[in-house]
Amino acid sequence: MALESGGEGVRVEARLVPFPKSLSPEARQYLARSVTPDGVPLTLGGAPLAHDDLAGWAAAKAAVGAMMLQMMAPAGAGLKSSVETLDLGGALVHVATPQGGGDYRAYIDIHGGALVHGAGEPCRIGAGMAADRHGVRCYGVDYRVPPEHPYPAALDDCVGAYRAVLERHAPENIIVGGSSAGGNLAAALVLRARDEGLPLPAALVLMTPELDLTESGDSFQTNRMFDIMLPRPLMDTNLLYAGGHDLAHPYLSPLFGDFSKGFPPTFLQAGTRDLFLSNTVRMHRALRRAAIPVELHVFEGMPHAGFMGAPEDLELAAEVNRFVADSWGRGA
């Protein structure tokens, strides 16, 4: 069947797609709370911002930052790790030390937020949460973001921070992790560090990662509106971040990197209702083709960023903790 755009595809009838009965009650309740009575995701909002609407982006950053801080405030109040903010390698880094002090191991945490949001206090809280979770010193990179600082500022900060962490920890004792946009930067960091001759970390943890800024994958269409967290593609955001650079470059879309030159063992996660599902499964195949050790975990009915505390999230956290512990064991 021909589409209006001139391409080919499958026409889908307008219908209400129910939430899977296979999910836990907590997960189904979260999904139900996230849509209007007629089934529209609450996160849909108004029209997307144009990538050159700098005033609009500034206002959006302030609004989203306040929302993220409100969501993370309870976790921040309960942190057990101490957090100090330092300049490491020219980047602002929140260094979280667990109770009892850190040891020889390090976790580099790169926050999400569509490559625009999540800086400041949410990043600091995230570093403390990672240190509490893994019991090791965590370095949360508070990278610069657009519209003031488009690419390559964020990646420069991540590489600079990684160089500084390498001065404190052996590479086999470092794990790099990132969610969503943080997954993009974590993977791009590894590719660029490798290309610049730096040693690779012990492992990489990519949670529902934004690995393809060209948005060429199937789930950018098939999961459109089904993902209650990211109901539509983010191309204007991607263009804002890229600042005129080629979206297909591996440092912008790590999915298109050459992994045969070396890449660490990787943990990949997404959900069947995640807009970034295609990013994740395609990355899995790319790493498999390059003979890189990789795990793929796809959760039933899960949207971008999970279910906010349902049993499925706890199961996922246990898988991540196991992978991290095993990875440090390999590097010992």
C-alpha atoms as a PDB file:
ATOM      1  CA  MET A   1       0.000   0.000   0.000  1.00  0.00           C
ATOM      2  CA  ALA A   2       1.473   3.376  -1.008  1.00  0.00           C
ATOM      3  CA  LEU A   3       1.743   6.049   1.696  1.00  0.00           C
ATOM      4  CA  GLU A   4       1.176   9.791   1.320  1.00  0.00           C
ATOM      5  CA  SER A   5       4.948  10.254   1.499  1.00  0.00           C
ATOM      6  CA  GLY A   6       5.431   8.000  -1.507  1.00  0.00           C
ATOM      7  CA  GLY A   7       6.859   5.121   0.502  1.00  0.00           C
ATOM      8  CA  GLU A   8       5.405   1.732   1.283  1.00  0.00           C
ATOM      9  CA  GLY A   9       4.134   0.361   4.553  1.00  0.00           C
ATOM     10  CA  VAL A  10       1.215  -1.017   6.510  1.00  0.00           C
ATOM     11  CA  ARG A  11      -1.773   1.171   7.236  1.00  0.00           C
ATOM     12  CA  VAL A  12      -2.975   0.776  10.830  1.00  0.00           C
ATOM     13  CA  GLU A  13      -6.583   1.347  11.773  1.00  0.00           C
ATOM     14  CA  ALA A  14      -7.413   3.782  14.556  1.00  0.00           C
ATOM     15  CA  ARG A  15      -7.963   1.745  17.703  1.00  0.00           C
ATOM     16  CA  LEU A  16      -7.319   1.651  21.425  1.00  0.00           C
ATOM     17  CA  VAL A  17      -4.390  -0.639  22.220  1.00  0.00           C
ATOM     18  CA  PRO A  18      -4.843  -2.049  25.743  1.00  0.00           C
ATOM     19  CA  PHE A  19      -2.014  -2.344  28.235  1.00  0.00           C
ATOM     20  CA  PRO A  20      -0.789  -5.957  28.444  1.00  0.00           C
ATOM     21  CA  LYS A  21      -2.419  -8.140  31.060  1.00  0.00           C
ATOM     22  CA  SER A  22       0.925  -9.896  31.383  1.00  0.00           C
ATOM     23  CA  LEU A  23       2.318  -6.942  33.362  1.00  0.00           C
ATOM     24  CA  SER A  24       2.355  -6.618  37.128  1.00  0.00           C
ATOM     25  CA  PRO A  25      -0.559  -4.669  38.632  1.00  0.00           C
ATOM     26  CA  GLU A  26       1.874  -1.912  39.592  1.00  0.00           C
ATOM     27  CA  ALA A  27       3.129  -1.566  36.029  1.00  0.00           C
ATOM     28  CA  ARG A  28      -0.395  -1.497  34.603  1.00  0.00           C
ATOM     29  CA  GLN A  29      -1.403   1.161  37.138  1.00  0.00           C
ATOM     30  CA  TYR A  30       1.586   3.303  36.160  1.00  0.00           C
ATOM     31  CA  LEU A  31       0.676   3.085  32.482  1.00  0.00           C
ATOM     32  CA  ALA A  32      -2.980   3.861  33.206  1.00  0.00           C
ATOM     33  CA  ARG A  33      -2.001   6.957  35.215  1.00  0.00           C
ATOM     34  CA  SER A  34       0.153   8.165  32.318  1.00  0.00           C
ATOM     35  CA  VAL A  35      -2.619   8.648  29.749  1.00  0.00           C
ATOM     36  CA  THR A  36      -5.734  10.788  29.465  1.00  0.00           C
ATOM     37  CA  PRO A  37      -9.196   9.159  29.703  1.00  0.00           C
ATOM     38  CA  ASP A  38      -9.207   8.823  25.911  1.00  0.00           C
ATOM     39  CA  GLY A  39      -5.786   7.167  25.846  1.00  0.00           C
ATOM     40  CA  VAL A  40      -3.432  10.013  24.900  1.00  0.00           C
ATOM     41  CA  PRO A  41      -0.043  10.060  26.673  1.00  0.00           C
ATOM     42  CA  LEU A  42       0.147  12.917  29.164  1.00  0.00           C
ATOM     43  CA  THR A  43       3.693  13.615  28.024  1.00  0.00           C
ATOM     44  CA  LEU A  44       2.587  14.453  24.477  1.00  0.00           C
ATOM     45  CA  GLY A  45       2.169  18.154  25.254  1.00  0.00           C
ATOM     46  CA  GLY A  46       1.983  20.732  22.512  1.00  0.00           C
ATOM     47  CA  ALA A  47       3.815  20.967  19.218  1.00  0.00           C
ATOM     48  CA  PRO A  48       7.540  20.110  19.313  1.00  0.00           C
ATOM     49  CA  LEU A  49       9.944  23.026  19.534  1.00  0.00           C
ATOM     50  CA  ALA A  50      11.810  23.922  16.369  1.00  0.00           C
ATOM     51  CA  HIS A  51      15.515  23.274  16.739  1.00  0.00           C
ATOM     52  CA  ASP A  52      16.284  26.979  16.205  1.00  0.00           C
ATOM     53  CA  ASP A  53      13.760  28.277  18.790  1.00  0.00           C
ATOM     54  CA  LEU A  54      16.433  29.117  21.353  1.00  0.00           C
ATOM     55  CA  ALA A  55      14.124  31.055  23.670  1.00  0.00           C
ATOM     56  CA  GLY A  56      11.670  28.171  23.659  1.00  0.00           C
ATOM     57  CA  TRP A  57      14.412  25.690  24.503  1.00  0.00           C
ATOM     58  CA  ALA A  58      15.617  27.827  27.382  1.00  0.00           C
ATOM     59  CA  ALA A  59      12.116  27.886  28.848  1.00  0.00           C
ATOM     60  CA  ALA A  60      11.682  24.151  28.272  1.00  0.00           C
ATOM     61  CA  LYS A  61      14.972  23.404  30.038  1.00  0.00           C
ATOM     62  CA  ALA A  62      13.817  25.335  33.089  1.00  0.00           C
ATOM     63  CA  ALA A  63      10.441  23.558  33.176  1.00  0.00           C
ATOM     64  CA  VAL A  64      11.800  20.058  32.609  1.00  0.00           C
ATOM     65  CA  GLY A  65      14.622  20.642  35.089  1.00  0.00           C
ATOM     66  CA  ALA A  66      12.124  21.601  37.781  1.00  0.00           C
ATOM     67  CA  MET A  67      10.027  18.510  37.020  1.00  0.00           C
ATOM     68  CA  MET A  68      13.052  16.194  37.143  1.00  0.00           C
ATOM     69  CA  LEU A  69      14.209  17.687  40.411  1.00  0.00           C
ATOM     70  CA  GLN A  70      10.756  17.212  41.936  1.00  0.00           C
ATOM     71  CA  MET A  71      10.758  13.545  40.868  1.00  0.00           C
ATOM     72  CA  MET A  72      14.259  12.921  42.227  1.00  0.00           C
ATOM     73  CA  ALA A  73      14.017  14.962  45.438  1.00  0.00           C
ATOM     74  CA  PRO A  74      12.915  12.013  47.638  1.00  0.00           C
ATOM     75  CA  ALA A  75      15.873   9.952  46.435  1.00  0.00           C
ATOM     76  CA  GLY A  76      18.175  12.904  47.004  1.00  0.00           C
ATOM     77  CA  ALA A  77      16.976  13.296  50.567  1.00  0.00           C
ATOM     78  CA  GLY A  78      17.734   9.636  51.263  1.00  0.00           C
ATOM     79  CA  LEU A  79      21.249   9.464  49.823  1.00  0.00           C
ATOM     80  CA  LYS A  80      23.788   7.664  51.976  1.00  0.00           C
ATOM     81  CA  SER A  81      26.790   8.562  49.860  1.00  0.00           C
ATOM     82  CA  SER A  82      28.556  11.893  50.240  1.00  0.00           C
ATOM     83  CA  VAL A  83      28.847  14.000  47.091  1.00  0.00           C
ATOM     84  CA  GLU A  84      31.395  16.675  46.180  1.00  0.00           C
ATOM     85  CA  THR A  85      31.539  18.633  42.942  1.00  0.00           C
ATOM     86  CA  LEU A  86      34.900  18.934  41.192  1.00  0.00           C
ATOM     87  CA  ASP A  87      36.452  20.070  37.926  1.00  0.00           C
ATOM     88  CA  LEU A  88      37.885  16.902  36.404  1.00  0.00           C
ATOM     89  CA  GLY A  89      39.470  17.068  32.975  1.00  0.00           C
ATOM     90  CA  GLY A  90      37.756  20.380  32.298  1.00  0.00           C
ATOM     91  CA  ALA A  91      34.321  18.945  33.083  1.00  0.00           C
ATOM     92  CA  LEU A  92      32.009  19.493  36.027  1.00  0.00           C
ATOM     93  CA  VAL A  93      31.780  16.144  37.827  1.00  0.00           C
ATOM     94  CA  HIS A  94      29.808  15.130  40.920  1.00  0.00           C
ATOM     95  CA  VAL A  95      31.962  12.604  42.793  1.00  0.00           C
ATOM     96  CA  ALA A  96      29.860  10.416  45.087  1.00  0.00           C
ATOM     97  CA  THR A  97      31.603   8.314  47.709  1.00  0.00           C
ATOM     98  CA  PRO A  98      29.667   5.503  49.420  1.00  0.00           C
ATOM     99  CA  GLN A  99      29.559   5.055  53.164  1.00  0.00           C
ATOM    100  CA  GLY A 100      32.825   3.607  54.375  1.00  0.00           C
ATOM    101  CA  GLY A 101      34.726   5.183  51.475  1.00  0.00           C
ATOM    102  CA  GLY A 102      35.349   3.982  47.963  1.00  0.00           C
ATOM    103  CA  ASP A 103      37.877   1.398  46.864  1.00  0.00           C
ATOM    104  CA  TYR A 104      39.784   0.863  43.622  1.00  0.00           C
ATOM    105  CA  ARG A 105      36.610   0.638  41.524  1.00  0.00           C
ATOM    106  CA  ALA A 106      34.727   3.433  39.779  1.00  0.00           C
ATOM    107  CA  TYR A 107      31.392   3.884  38.049  1.00  0.00           C
ATOM    108  CA  ILE A 108      31.020   6.761  35.581  1.00  0.00           C
ATOM    109  CA  ASP A 109      27.360   7.793  35.376  1.00  0.00           C
ATOM    110  CA  ILE A 110      26.178   9.843  32.389  1.00  0.00           C
ATOM    111  CA  HIS A 111      22.707  11.250  32.918  1.00  0.00           C
ATOM    112  CA  GLY A 112      19.813  11.230  30.477  1.00  0.00           C
ATOM    113  CA  GLY A 113      17.509  14.023  29.397  1.00  0.00           C
ATOM    114  CA  ALA A 114      17.282  14.072  25.579  1.00  0.00           C
ATOM    115  CA  LEU A 115      20.806  15.595  25.378  1.00  0.00           C
ATOM    116  CA  VAL A 116      19.336  18.875  26.660  1.00  0.00           C
ATOM    117  CA  HIS A 117      17.935  18.303  30.159  1.00  0.00           C
ATOM    118  CA  GLY A 118      19.097  16.758  33.430  1.00  0.00           C
ATOM    119  CA  ALA A 119      22.052  18.972  34.325  1.00  0.00           C
ATOM    120  CA  GLY A 120      22.707  20.321  37.806  1.00  0.00           C
ATOM    121  CA  GLU A 121      21.017  18.891  40.858  1.00  0.00           C
ATOM    122  CA  PRO A 122      19.370  15.907  39.095  1.00  0.00           C
ATOM    123  CA  CYS A 123      22.822  14.874  37.883  1.00  0.00           C
ATOM    124  CA  ARG A 124      24.262  15.230  41.389  1.00  0.00           C
ATOM    125  CA  ILE A 125      21.471  13.129  42.884  1.00  0.00           C
ATOM    126  CA  GLY A 126      21.916  10.510  40.156  1.00  0.00           C
ATOM    127  CA  ALA A 127      25.614  10.163  41.012  1.00  0.00           C
ATOM    128  CA  GLY A 128      24.771   9.602  44.659  1.00  0.00           C
ATOM    129  CA  MET A 129      22.132   7.017  43.779  1.00  0.00           C
ATOM    130  CA  ALA A 130      24.630   5.098  41.622  1.00  0.00           C
ATOM    131  CA  ALA A 131      27.214   5.139  44.410  1.00  0.00           C
ATOM    132  CA  ASP A 132      24.614   3.858  46.882  1.00  0.00           C
ATOM    133  CA  ARG A 133      23.487   1.161  44.438  1.00  0.00           C
ATOM    134  CA  HIS A 134      26.908  -0.216  43.528  1.00  0.00           C
ATOM    135  CA  GLY A 135      28.859   0.581  46.686  1.00  0.00           C
ATOM    136  CA  VAL A 136      31.731   2.228  44.779  1.00  0.00           C
ATOM    137  CA  ARG A 137      32.818   5.759  43.967  1.00  0.00           C
ATOM    138  CA  CYS A 138      30.659   7.228  41.230  1.00  0.00           C
ATOM    139  CA  TYR A 139      31.559  10.059  38.896  1.00  0.00           C
ATOM    140  CA  GLY A 140      28.453  11.847  37.568  1.00  0.00           C
ATOM    141  CA  VAL A 141      29.409  13.936  34.541  1.00  0.00           C
ATOM    142  CA  ASP A 142      27.443  17.206  34.526  1.00  0.00           C
ATOM    143  CA  TYR A 143      28.096  17.816  30.848  1.00  0.00           C
ATOM    144  CA  ARG A 144      27.287  21.058  29.043  1.00  0.00           C
ATOM    145  CA  VAL A 145      24.039  21.102  27.063  1.00  0.00           C
ATOM    146  CA  PRO A 146      22.435  23.069  24.212  1.00  0.00           C
ATOM    147  CA  PRO A 147      21.235  25.502  23.128  1.00  0.00           C
ATOM    148  CA  GLU A 148      24.196  27.306  24.720  1.00  0.00           C
ATOM    149  CA  HIS A 149      26.575  24.387  24.206  1.00  0.00           C
ATOM    150  CA  PRO A 150      25.772  22.129  21.214  1.00  0.00           C
ATOM    151  CA  TYR A 151      27.874  19.168  20.062  1.00  0.00           C
ATOM    152  CA  PRO A 152      30.709  18.421  20.688  1.00  0.00           C
ATOM    153  CA  ALA A 153      30.625  20.141  24.102  1.00  0.00           C
ATOM    154  CA  ALA A 154      28.861  17.297  25.955  1.00  0.00           C
ATOM    155  CA  LEU A 155      31.096  14.618  24.464  1.00  0.00           C
ATOM    156  CA  ASP A 156      34.208  16.730  25.124  1.00  0.00           C
ATOM    157  CA  ASP A 157      33.184  16.893  28.792  1.00  0.00           C
ATOM    158  CA  CYS A 158      32.610  13.140  28.993  1.00  0.00           C
ATOM    159  CA  VAL A 159      35.972  12.342  27.380  1.00  0.00           C
ATOM    160  CA  GLY A 160      37.739  14.844  29.618  1.00  0.00           C
ATOM    161  CA  ALA A 161      36.143  13.329  32.704  1.00  0.00           C
ATOM    162  CA  TYR A 162      37.075   9.816  31.538  1.00  0.00           C
ATOM    163  CA  ARG A 163      40.713  10.865  31.111  1.00  0.00           C
ATOM    164  CA  ALA A 164      40.696  12.236  34.658  1.00  0.00           C
ATOM    165  CA  VAL A 165      39.114   9.080  36.092  1.00  0.00           C
ATOM    166  CA  LEU A 166      41.795   7.015  34.329  1.00  0.00           C
ATOM    167  CA  GLU A 167      44.366   8.911  36.408  1.00  0.00           C
ATOM    168  CA  ARG A 168      42.611   7.669  39.559  1.00  0.00           C
ATOM    169  CA  HIS A 169      41.515   4.156  38.572  1.00  0.00           C
ATOM    170  CA  ALA A 170      42.804   1.386  36.314  1.00  0.00           C
ATOM    171  CA  PRO A 171      40.636   0.969  33.194  1.00  0.00           C
ATOM    172  CA  GLU A 172      39.736  -2.620  34.120  1.00  0.00           C
ATOM    173  CA  ASN A 173      38.173  -1.225  37.305  1.00  0.00           C
ATOM    174  CA  ILE A 174      36.001   1.373  35.550  1.00  0.00           C
ATOM    175  CA  ILE A 175      32.446   0.839  34.322  1.00  0.00           C
ATOM    176  CA  VAL A 176      30.602   3.464  32.283  1.00  0.00           C
ATOM    177  CA  GLY A 177      26.817   3.661  32.362  1.00  0.00           C
ATOM    178  CA  GLY A 178      24.151   5.867  30.862  1.00  0.00           C
ATOM    179  CA  SER A 179      20.406   5.958  30.311  1.00  0.00           C
ATOM    180  CA  SER A 180      18.622   7.384  27.267  1.00  0.00           C
ATOM    181  CA  ALA A 181      20.732  10.352  26.104  1.00  0.00           C
ATOM    182  CA  GLY A 182      23.305   9.247  28.649  1.00  0.00           C
ATOM    183  CA  GLY A 183      23.488   5.958  26.773  1.00  0.00           C
ATOM    184  CA  ASN A 184      24.302   7.893  23.617  1.00  0.00           C
ATOM    185  CA  LEU A 185      27.132   9.746  25.338  1.00  0.00           C
ATOM    186  CA  ALA A 186      28.427   6.662  27.145  1.00  0.00           C
ATOM    187  CA  ALA A 187      28.768   4.736  23.882  1.00  0.00           C
ATOM    188  CA  ALA A 188      30.171   7.756  22.022  1.00  0.00           C
ATOM    189  CA  LEU A 189      32.664   8.295  24.841  1.00  0.00           C
ATOM    190  CA  VAL A 190      33.974   4.756  24.423  1.00  0.00           C
ATOM    191  CA  LEU A 191      34.256   5.104  20.636  1.00  0.00           C
ATOM    192  CA  ARG A 192      36.115   8.399  20.850  1.00  0.00           C
ATOM    193  CA  ALA A 193      38.331   7.284  23.742  1.00  0.00           C
ATOM    194  CA  ARG A 194      39.302   4.211  21.705  1.00  0.00           C
ATOM    195  CA  ASP A 195      39.999   6.324  18.634  1.00  0.00           C
ATOM    196  CA  GLU A 196      42.198   8.635  20.725  1.00  0.00           C
ATOM    197  CA  GLY A 197      44.230   5.716  22.042  1.00  0.00           C
ATOM    198  CA  LEU A 198      42.796   5.560  25.544  1.00  0.00           C
ATOM    199  CA  PRO A 199      42.221   2.173  27.219  1.00  0.00           C
ATOM    200  CA  LEU A 200      38.657   0.881  27.275  1.00  0.00           C
ATOM    201  CA  PRO A 201      36.638   0.501  30.484  1.00  0.00           C
ATOM    202  CA  ALA A 202      35.744  -2.900  31.867  1.00  0.00           C
ATOM    203  CA  ALA A 203      32.121  -2.688  30.734  1.00  0.00           C
ATOM    204  CA  LEU A 204      29.337  -0.473  29.452  1.00  0.00           C
ATOM    205  CA  VAL A 205      25.744  -0.282  30.749  1.00  0.00           C
ATOM    206  CA  LEU A 206      23.273   1.222  28.257  1.00  0.00           C
ATOM    207  CA  MET A 207      19.718   1.619  29.507  1.00  0.00           C
ATOM    208  CA  THR A 208      17.116   2.342  26.798  1.00  0.00           C
ATOM    209  CA  PRO A 209      19.849   4.200  24.910  1.00  0.00           C
ATOM    210  CA  GLU A 210      19.382   6.930  22.302  1.00  0.00           C
ATOM    211  CA  LEU A 211      21.960   5.499  19.909  1.00  0.00           C
ATOM    212  CA  ASP A 212      20.590   6.663  16.549  1.00  0.00           C
ATOM    213  CA  LEU A 213      19.915  10.381  16.181  1.00  0.00           C
ATOM    214  CA  THR A 214      18.870   9.813  12.563  1.00  0.00           C
ATOM    215  CA  GLU A 215      15.881   7.877  13.968  1.00  0.00           C
ATOM    216  CA  SER A 216      16.054   5.290  11.195  1.00  0.00           C
ATOM    217  CA  GLY A 217      14.808   2.335  13.237  1.00  0.00           C
ATOM    218  CA  ASP A 218      11.410   0.640  13.019  1.00  0.00           C
ATOM    219  CA  SER A 219      10.272   1.447  16.568  1.00  0.00           C
ATOM    220  CA  PHE A 220      10.376   5.199  15.879  1.00  0.00           C
ATOM    221  CA  GLN A 221       7.201   4.468  13.897  1.00  0.00           C
ATOM    222  CA  THR A 222       5.754   1.323  15.457  1.00  0.00           C
ATOM    223  CA  ASN A 223       6.045   2.582  19.051  1.00  0.00           C
ATOM    224  CA  ARG A 224       5.033   6.134  18.287  1.00  0.00           C
ATOM    225  CA  MET A 225       2.280   7.080  20.794  1.00  0.00           C
ATOM    226  CA  PHE A 226       2.610   3.646  22.437  1.00  0.00           C
ATOM    227  CA  ASP A 227       5.556   4.893  24.515  1.00  0.00           C
ATOM    228  CA  ILE A 228       3.918   6.949  27.247  1.00  0.00           C
ATOM    229  CA  MET A 229       7.246   8.605  28.152  1.00  0.00           C
ATOM    230  CA  LEU A 230       8.442   9.395  24.595  1.00  0.00           C
ATOM    231  CA  PRO A 231       5.285   9.367  22.472  1.00  0.00           C
ATOM    232  CA  ARG A 232       6.909  10.913  19.404  1.00  0.00           C
ATOM    233  CA  PRO A 233      10.371  11.169  17.803  1.00  0.00           C
ATOM    234  CA  LEU A 234      12.869  13.790  18.946  1.00  0.00           C
ATOM    235  CA  MET A 235      14.335  15.006  15.663  1.00  0.00           C
ATOM    236  CA  ASP A 236      14.175  18.714  16.526  1.00  0.00           C
ATOM    237  CA  THR A 237      16.007  17.976  19.779  1.00  0.00           C
ATOM    238  CA  ASN A 238      18.601  15.946  17.889  1.00  0.00           C
ATOM    239  CA  LEU A 239      19.180  18.785  15.414  1.00  0.00           C
ATOM    240  CA  LEU A 240      19.539  21.258  18.278  1.00  0.00           C
ATOM    241  CA  TYR A 241      22.160  19.043  19.920  1.00  0.00           C
ATOM    242  CA  ALA A 242      24.053  18.305  16.691  1.00  0.00           C
ATOM    243  CA  GLY A 243      24.533  21.981  15.864  1.00  0.00           C
ATOM    244  CA  GLY A 244      24.823  21.344  12.139  1.00  0.00           C
ATOM    245  CA  HIS A 245      27.003  18.231  12.346  1.00  0.00           C
ATOM    246  CA  ASP A 246      26.118  14.995  10.547  1.00  0.00           C
ATOM    247  CA  LEU A 247      23.605  13.059  12.668  1.00  0.00           C
ATOM    248  CA  ALA A 248      24.935   9.773  11.269  1.00  0.00           C
ATOM    249  CA  HIS A 249      28.482  10.311  12.555  1.00  0.00           C
ATOM    250  CA  PRO A 250      29.300   7.598  15.139  1.00  0.00           C
ATOM    251  CA  TYR A 251      30.097  10.194  17.809  1.00  0.00           C
ATOM    252  CA  LEU A 252      26.516  11.458  17.400  1.00  0.00           C
ATOM    253  CA  SER A 253      24.859   8.121  16.554  1.00  0.00           C
ATOM    254  CA  PRO A 254      27.071   5.421  18.115  1.00  0.00           C
ATOM    255  CA  LEU A 255      24.943   2.702  16.510  1.00  0.00           C
ATOM    256  CA  PHE A 256      26.903   3.365  13.318  1.00  0.00           C
ATOM    257  CA  GLY A 257      30.331   2.897  14.913  1.00  0.00           C
ATOM    258  CA  ASP A 258      32.936   0.333  13.869  1.00  0.00           C
ATOM    259  CA  PHE A 259      32.961  -2.057  16.800  1.00  0.00           C
ATOM    260  CA  SER A 260      35.461  -4.408  15.212  1.00  0.00           C
ATOM    261  CA  LYS A 261      38.214  -2.042  16.385  1.00  0.00           C
ATOM    262  CA  GLY A 262      37.338  -2.793  20.016  1.00  0.00           C
ATOM    263  CA  PHE A 263      34.479  -2.212  22.419  1.00  0.00           C
ATOM    264  CA  PRO A 264      33.832  -3.338  26.018  1.00  0.00           C
ATOM    265  CA  PRO A 265      31.304  -5.965  27.138  1.00  0.00           C
ATOM    266  CA  THR A 266      27.921  -4.261  27.065  1.00  0.00           C
ATOM    267  CA  PHE A 267      24.556  -4.504  28.839  1.00  0.00           C
ATOM    268  CA  LEU A 268      21.601  -3.314  26.738  1.00  0.00           C
ATOM    269  CA  GLN A 269      18.036  -2.764  27.939  1.00  0.00           C
ATOM    270  CA  ALA A 270      14.761  -1.609  26.400  1.00  0.00           C
ATOM    271  CA  GLY A 271      11.038  -2.428  26.496  1.00  0.00           C
ATOM    272  CA  THR A 272       8.568  -3.574  23.880  1.00  0.00           C
ATOM    273  CA  ARG A 273       6.825  -0.158  24.075  1.00  0.00           C
ATOM    274  CA  ASP A 274      10.053   1.848  24.111  1.00  0.00           C
ATOM    275  CA  LEU A 275      10.525   4.367  21.293  1.00  0.00           C
ATOM    276  CA  PHE A 276      14.231   3.440  21.391  1.00  0.00           C
ATOM    277  CA  LEU A 277      13.666  -0.323  21.131  1.00  0.00           C
ATOM    278  CA  SER A 278      15.124  -0.432  17.608  1.00  0.00           C
ATOM    279  CA  ASN A 279      18.231   1.426  18.785  1.00  0.00           C
ATOM    280  CA  THR A 280      18.819  -1.255  21.372  1.00  0.00           C
ATOM    281  CA  VAL A 281      18.169  -4.387  19.332  1.00  0.00           C
ATOM    282  CA  ARG A 282      20.183  -3.053  16.382  1.00  0.00           C
ATOM    283  CA  MET A 283      23.093  -2.245  18.694  1.00  0.00           C
ATOM    284  CA  HIS A 284      22.893  -5.806  20.016  1.00  0.00           C
ATOM    285  CA  ARG A 285      23.187  -7.210  16.503  1.00  0.00           C
ATOM    286  CA  ALA A 286      26.036  -4.828  15.633  1.00  0.00           C
ATOM    287  CA  LEU A 287      28.015  -5.885  18.698  1.00  0.00           C
ATOM    288  CA  ARG A 288      27.285  -9.554  18.036  1.00  0.00           C
ATOM    289  CA  ARG A 289      28.614  -9.196  14.488  1.00  0.00           C
ATOM    290  CA  ALA A 290      31.812  -7.714  15.929  1.00  0.00           C
ATOM    291  CA  ALA A 291      32.082 -10.597  18.469  1.00  0.00           C
ATOM    292  CA  ILE A 292      31.722  -8.202  21.429  1.00  0.00           C
ATOM    293  CA  PRO A 293      30.246  -9.812  24.581  1.00  0.00           C
ATOM    294  CA  VAL A 294      26.786  -8.308  24.953  1.00  0.00           C
ATOM    295  CA  GLU A 295      23.541  -8.904  26.858  1.00  0.00           C
ATOM    296  CA  LEU A 296      20.136  -7.764  25.600  1.00  0.00           C
ATOM    297  CA  HIS A 297      17.220  -7.403  28.039  1.00  0.00           C
ATOM    298  CA  VAL A 298      13.835  -6.446  26.558  1.00  0.00           C
ATOM    299  CA  PHE A 299      10.966  -6.118  29.045  1.00  0.00           C
ATOM    300  CA  GLU A 300       7.322  -6.788  28.247  1.00  0.00           C
ATOM    301  CA  GLY A 301       5.192  -3.660  27.793  1.00  0.00           C
ATOM    302  CA  MET A 302       7.884  -1.393  29.234  1.00  0.00           C
ATOM    303  CA  PRO A 303       8.052   2.200  27.959  1.00  0.00           C
ATOM    304  CA  HIS A 304      11.110   4.412  27.945  1.00  0.00           C
ATOM    305  CA  ALA A 305      12.563   4.782  31.475  1.00  0.00           C
ATOM    306  CA  GLY A 306      10.622   1.878  32.960  1.00  0.00           C
ATOM    307  CA  PHE A 307       7.579   1.682  35.227  1.00  0.00           C
ATOM    308  CA  MET A 308       8.802   3.915  38.071  1.00  0.00           C
ATOM    309  CA  GLY A 309       9.187   1.258  40.749  1.00  0.00           C
ATOM    310  CA  ALA A 310       7.092  -1.727  39.612  1.00  0.00           C
ATOM    311  CA  PRO A 311       8.399  -5.290  40.177  1.00  0.00           C
ATOM    312  CA  GLU A 312       9.712  -5.327  36.610  1.00  0.00           C
ATOM    313  CA  ASP A 313      12.004  -2.401  37.474  1.00  0.00           C
ATOM    314  CA  LEU A 314      13.347  -4.298  40.474  1.00  0.00           C
ATOM    315  CA  GLU A 315      14.019  -7.310  38.261  1.00  0.00           C
ATOM    316  CA  LEU A 316      15.880  -5.080  35.821  1.00  0.00           C
ATOM    317  CA  ALA A 317      17.924  -3.492  38.612  1.00  0.00           C
ATOM    318  CA  ALA A 318      18.952  -6.933  39.809  1.00  0.00           C
ATOM    319  CA  GLU A 319      20.142  -7.821  36.302  1.00  0.00           C
ATOM    320  CA  VAL A 320      22.196  -4.620  36.095  1.00  0.00           C
ATOM    321  CA  ASN A 321      23.725  -5.209  39.520  1.00  0.00           C
ATOM    322  CA  ARG A 322      24.683  -8.759  38.527  1.00  0.00           C
ATOM    323  CA  PHE A 323      26.271  -7.583  35.282  1.00  0.00           C
ATOM    324  CA  VAL A 324      28.225  -4.840  37.062  1.00  0.00           C
ATOM    325  CA  ALA A 325      29.474  -7.226  39.761  1.00  0.00           C
ATOM    326  CA  ASP A 326      30.483  -9.803  37.147  1.00  0.00           C
ATOM    327  CA  SER A 327      32.270  -7.144  35.093  1.00  0.00           C
ATOM    328  CA  TRP A 328      34.381  -6.022  38.029  1.00  0.00           C
ATOM    329  CA  GLY A 329      35.096  -9.651  38.741  1.00  0.00           C
ATOM    330  CA  ARG A 330      36.480 -10.060  35.232  1.00  0.00           C
ATOM    331  CA  GLY A 331      38.705  -7.024  35.704  1.00  0.00           C
ATOM    332  CA  ALA A 332      40.067  -8.077  39.098  1.00  0.00           C
END
